[in-house]
Amino acid sequence: MFIPLIGIFWGCFILFNTGSIIAILSVAEGMPPILTFLVLILNPVVWLEFAVYSAAMSQSFVWLLQIFRKRSGKEAARTCIVITICAFTLLLAAVVEWILINSIGG
C-alpha cells in the first residue's frame, strides 16, 4: 500500500473486499451484517490493522505529492520509517490476536 497512487487504490480495494466478505459470511450464518461489523469493531486487532492501513495509504498519498513537487528523496526515507513502524504494529497485532485466540481456547 506504500506505492504512490497505486497504494491508495489497492487499500480501498482491500477494504471493500473485506467488507464484502464480512457481509457474505454474516448473511450465510444468519447474522445481520451490521451486528457482525459492530462485534469486529470491538476487537483491538481491527483497530491496529486499520491504523496501519490508514498510515500506509496516507504515506502513499504524501509520497505522490512529493514526487510531483520534485522532493521525493526525503519522503523515501520517511516512507521507510513508516514501513518499519507499520511492520512492528502488525507484529503487535499478530501477538494480540494470538493471545486472544489462545485465551478463548482456540
N, C-alpha and C. Protein backbone atom coordinates (compact mmCIF):
# COMPACT_ATOMS: atom_id res chain seq x y z
N MET A 1 0.81 -1.20 0.00
CA MET A 1 0.00 0.00 0.00
C MET A 1 0.85 1.26 0.00
N PHE A 2 2.13 1.11 0.06
CA PHE A 2 3.00 2.28 0.12
C PHE A 2 3.38 2.82 -1.26
N ILE A 3 3.03 2.11 -2.30
CA ILE A 3 3.37 2.56 -3.65
C ILE A 3 2.53 3.80 -3.98
N PRO A 4 3.19 4.89 -4.39
CA PRO A 4 2.43 6.11 -4.68
C PRO A 4 1.31 5.86 -5.69
N LEU A 5 0.16 6.40 -5.40
CA LEU A 5 -1.08 6.32 -6.17
C LEU A 5 -1.67 4.92 -6.19
N ILE A 6 -0.90 3.92 -6.56
CA ILE A 6 -1.41 2.55 -6.61
C ILE A 6 -1.82 2.08 -5.22
N GLY A 7 -1.07 2.46 -4.20
CA GLY A 7 -1.35 2.04 -2.84
C GLY A 7 -2.71 2.49 -2.33
N ILE A 8 -3.12 3.69 -2.73
CA ILE A 8 -4.42 4.21 -2.30
C ILE A 8 -5.53 3.36 -2.89
N PHE A 9 -5.45 3.09 -4.18
CA PHE A 9 -6.48 2.27 -4.83
C PHE A 9 -6.46 0.84 -4.32
N TRP A 10 -5.27 0.30 -4.10
CA TRP A 10 -5.14 -1.06 -3.58
C TRP A 10 -5.75 -1.16 -2.17
N GLY A 11 -5.49 -0.17 -1.34
CA GLY A 11 -6.05 -0.15 0.01
C GLY A 11 -7.57 -0.07 -0.01
N CYS A 12 -8.11 0.78 -0.86
CA CYS A 12 -9.58 0.88 -0.98
C CYS A 12 -10.17 -0.44 -1.48
N PHE A 13 -9.50 -1.09 -2.42
CA PHE A 13 -9.95 -2.37 -2.95
C PHE A 13 -9.96 -3.42 -1.83
N ILE A 14 -8.91 -3.45 -1.01
CA ILE A 14 -8.82 -4.40 0.09
C ILE A 14 -9.92 -4.14 1.11
N LEU A 15 -10.13 -2.87 1.47
CA LEU A 15 -11.17 -2.54 2.44
C LEU A 15 -12.55 -2.91 1.92
N PHE A 16 -12.82 -2.66 0.65
CA PHE A 16 -14.11 -3.03 0.05
C PHE A 16 -14.31 -4.54 0.08
N ASN A 17 -13.29 -5.28 -0.33
CA ASN A 17 -13.39 -6.75 -0.34
C ASN A 17 -13.56 -7.31 1.06
N THR A 18 -12.87 -6.74 2.03
CA THR A 18 -13.01 -7.20 3.41
C THR A 18 -14.44 -7.00 3.89
N GLY A 19 -14.99 -5.83 3.62
CA GLY A 19 -16.38 -5.56 4.00
C GLY A 19 -17.36 -6.49 3.31
N SER A 20 -17.11 -6.78 2.04
CA SER A 20 -17.99 -7.69 1.30
C SER A 20 -17.94 -9.10 1.88
N ILE A 21 -16.76 -9.57 2.19
CA ILE A 21 -16.61 -10.91 2.76
C ILE A 21 -17.27 -11.00 4.13
N ILE A 22 -17.11 -9.96 4.95
CA ILE A 22 -17.76 -9.94 6.26
C ILE A 22 -19.27 -10.01 6.09
N ALA A 23 -19.81 -9.25 5.15
CA ALA A 23 -21.25 -9.26 4.91
C ALA A 23 -21.72 -10.62 4.41
N ILE A 24 -20.98 -11.20 3.49
CA ILE A 24 -21.35 -12.51 2.93
C ILE A 24 -21.34 -13.58 4.01
N LEU A 25 -20.29 -13.61 4.82
CA LEU A 25 -20.19 -14.62 5.87
C LEU A 25 -21.26 -14.44 6.93
N SER A 26 -21.55 -13.20 7.28
CA SER A 26 -22.56 -12.98 8.31
C SER A 26 -23.95 -13.36 7.81
N VAL A 27 -24.27 -13.07 6.56
CA VAL A 27 -25.56 -13.47 5.99
C VAL A 27 -25.64 -14.99 5.90
N ALA A 28 -24.53 -15.63 5.52
CA ALA A 28 -24.51 -17.09 5.43
C ALA A 28 -24.74 -17.74 6.80
N GLU A 29 -24.30 -17.07 7.87
CA GLU A 29 -24.50 -17.58 9.22
C GLU A 29 -25.82 -17.11 9.83
N GLY A 30 -26.58 -16.30 9.10
CA GLY A 30 -27.87 -15.82 9.59
C GLY A 30 -27.77 -14.66 10.57
N MET A 31 -26.67 -13.93 10.53
CA MET A 31 -26.50 -12.76 11.41
C MET A 31 -26.61 -11.49 10.58
N PRO A 32 -27.15 -10.43 11.15
CA PRO A 32 -27.17 -9.16 10.42
C PRO A 32 -25.74 -8.64 10.22
N PRO A 33 -25.39 -8.20 9.01
CA PRO A 33 -24.02 -7.71 8.77
C PRO A 33 -23.59 -6.58 9.69
N ILE A 34 -24.51 -5.70 10.06
CA ILE A 34 -24.14 -4.59 10.93
C ILE A 34 -23.74 -5.09 12.32
N LEU A 35 -24.40 -6.16 12.79
CA LEU A 35 -24.04 -6.73 14.08
C LEU A 35 -22.64 -7.35 14.03
N THR A 36 -22.34 -8.03 12.94
CA THR A 36 -21.01 -8.61 12.77
C THR A 36 -19.95 -7.51 12.75
N PHE A 37 -20.25 -6.43 12.05
CA PHE A 37 -19.32 -5.30 11.99
C PHE A 37 -19.10 -4.71 13.38
N LEU A 38 -20.17 -4.53 14.15
CA LEU A 38 -20.04 -3.96 15.49
C LEU A 38 -19.24 -4.87 16.42
N VAL A 39 -19.41 -6.17 16.28
CA VAL A 39 -18.63 -7.10 17.09
C VAL A 39 -17.14 -7.02 16.70
N LEU A 40 -16.87 -6.96 15.40
CA LEU A 40 -15.47 -6.86 14.95
C LEU A 40 -14.81 -5.57 15.40
N ILE A 41 -15.57 -4.49 15.44
CA ILE A 41 -15.01 -3.19 15.80
C ILE A 41 -14.53 -3.19 17.26
N LEU A 42 -15.06 -4.09 18.08
CA LEU A 42 -14.62 -4.18 19.47
C LEU A 42 -13.27 -4.88 19.62
N ASN A 43 -12.82 -5.53 18.57
CA ASN A 43 -11.57 -6.28 18.59
C ASN A 43 -10.38 -5.32 18.43
N PRO A 44 -9.42 -5.34 19.35
CA PRO A 44 -8.28 -4.41 19.25
C PRO A 44 -7.41 -4.67 18.01
N VAL A 45 -7.41 -5.88 17.51
CA VAL A 45 -6.62 -6.19 16.31
C VAL A 45 -7.15 -5.40 15.11
N VAL A 46 -8.46 -5.25 15.03
CA VAL A 46 -9.06 -4.49 13.93
C VAL A 46 -8.57 -3.04 13.97
N TRP A 47 -8.51 -2.48 15.16
CA TRP A 47 -8.06 -1.09 15.28
C TRP A 47 -6.58 -0.95 14.88
N LEU A 48 -5.76 -1.89 15.30
CA LEU A 48 -4.34 -1.83 14.95
C LEU A 48 -4.15 -1.95 13.43
N GLU A 49 -4.84 -2.91 12.83
CA GLU A 49 -4.71 -3.10 11.38
C GLU A 49 -5.27 -1.91 10.61
N PHE A 50 -6.38 -1.36 11.08
CA PHE A 50 -6.95 -0.19 10.41
C PHE A 50 -5.99 1.00 10.47
N ALA A 51 -5.34 1.18 11.62
CA ALA A 51 -4.36 2.26 11.76
C ALA A 51 -3.20 2.07 10.79
N VAL A 52 -2.74 0.83 10.63
CA VAL A 52 -1.63 0.55 9.71
C VAL A 52 -2.06 0.81 8.27
N TYR A 53 -3.25 0.35 7.90
CA TYR A 53 -3.72 0.57 6.53
C TYR A 53 -3.88 2.06 6.25
N SER A 54 -4.39 2.79 7.23
CA SER A 54 -4.55 4.24 7.07
C SER A 54 -3.21 4.93 6.91
N ALA A 55 -2.25 4.54 7.73
CA ALA A 55 -0.91 5.14 7.63
C ALA A 55 -0.27 4.83 6.29
N ALA A 56 -0.43 3.60 5.82
CA ALA A 56 0.16 3.20 4.54
C ALA A 56 -0.45 3.99 3.38
N MET A 57 -1.77 4.11 3.37
CA MET A 57 -2.40 4.85 2.27
C MET A 57 -2.09 6.34 2.35
N SER A 58 -2.02 6.87 3.56
CA SER A 58 -1.65 8.28 3.73
C SER A 58 -0.23 8.54 3.24
N GLN A 59 0.68 7.66 3.60
CA GLN A 59 2.07 7.81 3.17
C GLN A 59 2.18 7.70 1.65
N SER A 60 1.38 6.84 1.05
CA SER A 60 1.35 6.72 -0.40
C SER A 60 0.95 8.05 -1.04
N PHE A 61 -0.06 8.69 -0.47
CA PHE A 61 -0.54 9.97 -1.00
C PHE A 61 0.50 11.07 -0.80
N VAL A 62 1.10 11.13 0.39
CA VAL A 62 2.11 12.15 0.68
C VAL A 62 3.31 11.98 -0.24
N TRP A 63 3.74 10.73 -0.44
CA TRP A 63 4.88 10.47 -1.31
C TRP A 63 4.56 10.88 -2.75
N LEU A 64 3.33 10.63 -3.18
CA LEU A 64 2.91 11.04 -4.52
C LEU A 64 2.99 12.56 -4.67
N LEU A 65 2.54 13.29 -3.66
CA LEU A 65 2.62 14.75 -3.71
C LEU A 65 4.08 15.22 -3.79
N GLN A 66 4.94 14.58 -3.01
CA GLN A 66 6.35 14.98 -3.03
C GLN A 66 7.03 14.64 -4.35
N ILE A 67 6.58 13.59 -5.00
CA ILE A 67 7.12 13.26 -6.33
C ILE A 67 6.77 14.37 -7.31
N PHE A 68 5.53 14.84 -7.26
CA PHE A 68 5.12 15.93 -8.15
C PHE A 68 5.85 17.23 -7.84
N ARG A 69 6.22 17.42 -6.59
CA ARG A 69 6.94 18.63 -6.19
C ARG A 69 8.45 18.47 -6.34
N LYS A 70 8.89 17.32 -6.84
CA LYS A 70 10.31 17.01 -7.08
C LYS A 70 11.12 17.00 -5.78
N ARG A 71 10.50 16.53 -4.69
CA ARG A 71 11.18 16.42 -3.40
C ARG A 71 10.96 15.03 -2.82
N SER A 72 11.09 14.02 -3.63
CA SER A 72 10.75 12.67 -3.17
C SER A 72 11.89 11.99 -2.41
N GLY A 73 13.08 12.56 -2.41
CA GLY A 73 14.21 11.93 -1.72
C GLY A 73 13.99 11.80 -0.23
N LYS A 74 13.61 12.90 0.43
CA LYS A 74 13.35 12.86 1.86
C LYS A 74 12.14 11.99 2.17
N GLU A 75 11.18 12.03 1.28
CA GLU A 75 9.95 11.26 1.52
C GLU A 75 10.22 9.76 1.43
N ALA A 76 11.19 9.36 0.62
CA ALA A 76 11.54 7.94 0.55
C ALA A 76 12.07 7.46 1.90
N ALA A 77 12.87 8.30 2.55
CA ALA A 77 13.39 7.95 3.87
C ALA A 77 12.26 7.88 4.89
N ARG A 78 11.34 8.84 4.83
CA ARG A 78 10.20 8.82 5.75
C ARG A 78 9.32 7.60 5.50
N THR A 79 9.19 7.22 4.24
CA THR A 79 8.39 6.05 3.91
C THR A 79 9.01 4.80 4.52
N CYS A 80 10.32 4.70 4.50
CA CYS A 80 10.99 3.56 5.13
C CYS A 80 10.72 3.52 6.63
N ILE A 81 10.70 4.68 7.25
CA ILE A 81 10.39 4.75 8.69
C ILE A 81 8.96 4.32 8.94
N VAL A 82 8.03 4.79 8.12
CA VAL A 82 6.61 4.42 8.29
C VAL A 82 6.42 2.93 8.04
N ILE A 83 7.11 2.38 7.05
CA ILE A 83 7.02 0.94 6.78
C ILE A 83 7.50 0.15 8.00
N THR A 84 8.58 0.59 8.61
CA THR A 84 9.10 -0.08 9.81
C THR A 84 8.10 -0.02 10.96
N ILE A 85 7.53 1.15 11.18
CA ILE A 85 6.54 1.32 12.25
C ILE A 85 5.32 0.43 11.98
N CYS A 86 4.88 0.40 10.72
CA CYS A 86 3.73 -0.42 10.36
C CYS A 86 4.03 -1.91 10.53
N ALA A 87 5.22 -2.32 10.20
CA ALA A 87 5.59 -3.73 10.36
C ALA A 87 5.56 -4.13 11.83
N PHE A 88 6.10 -3.28 12.70
CA PHE A 88 6.07 -3.59 14.13
C PHE A 88 4.66 -3.55 14.69
N THR A 89 3.84 -2.65 14.17
CA THR A 89 2.45 -2.59 14.62
C THR A 89 1.69 -3.84 14.19
N LEU A 90 1.94 -4.31 12.98
CA LEU A 90 1.30 -5.55 12.52
C LEU A 90 1.81 -6.76 13.33
N LEU A 91 3.07 -6.73 13.71
CA LEU A 91 3.60 -7.79 14.57
C LEU A 91 2.90 -7.76 15.93
N LEU A 92 2.71 -6.57 16.47
CA LEU A 92 1.97 -6.42 17.72
C LEU A 92 0.54 -6.94 17.56
N ALA A 93 -0.10 -6.61 16.45
CA ALA A 93 -1.48 -7.08 16.18
C ALA A 93 -1.52 -8.60 16.12
N ALA A 94 -0.51 -9.20 15.52
CA ALA A 94 -0.46 -10.66 15.44
C ALA A 94 -0.32 -11.28 16.82
N VAL A 95 0.51 -10.68 17.67
CA VAL A 95 0.68 -11.19 19.03
C VAL A 95 -0.62 -11.04 19.82
N VAL A 96 -1.26 -9.90 19.70
CA VAL A 96 -2.53 -9.68 20.40
C VAL A 96 -3.58 -10.68 19.91
N GLU A 97 -3.64 -10.90 18.60
CA GLU A 97 -4.60 -11.85 18.06
C GLU A 97 -4.30 -13.27 18.56
N TRP A 98 -3.04 -13.63 18.61
CA TRP A 98 -2.64 -14.95 19.13
C TRP A 98 -3.07 -15.11 20.59
N ILE A 99 -2.87 -14.06 21.38
CA ILE A 99 -3.27 -14.09 22.78
C ILE A 99 -4.79 -14.23 22.90
N LEU A 100 -5.52 -13.47 22.09
CA LEU A 100 -6.99 -13.54 22.14
C LEU A 100 -7.47 -14.94 21.74
N ILE A 101 -6.88 -15.52 20.71
CA ILE A 101 -7.30 -16.85 20.27
C ILE A 101 -7.00 -17.88 21.35
N ASN A 102 -5.83 -17.81 21.95
CA ASN A 102 -5.47 -18.76 23.00
C ASN A 102 -6.28 -18.57 24.27
N SER A 103 -6.72 -17.35 24.54
CA SER A 103 -7.48 -17.09 25.76
C SER A 103 -8.90 -17.64 25.68
N ILE A 104 -9.42 -17.80 24.46
CA ILE A 104 -10.77 -18.37 24.33
C ILE A 104 -10.73 -19.85 24.01
N GLY A 105 -9.54 -20.42 24.05
CA GLY A 105 -9.40 -21.87 23.90
C GLY A 105 -9.32 -22.32 22.47
N GLY A 106 -8.82 -21.45 21.56
CA GLY A 106 -8.70 -21.81 20.15
C GLY A 106 -7.55 -22.70 19.94
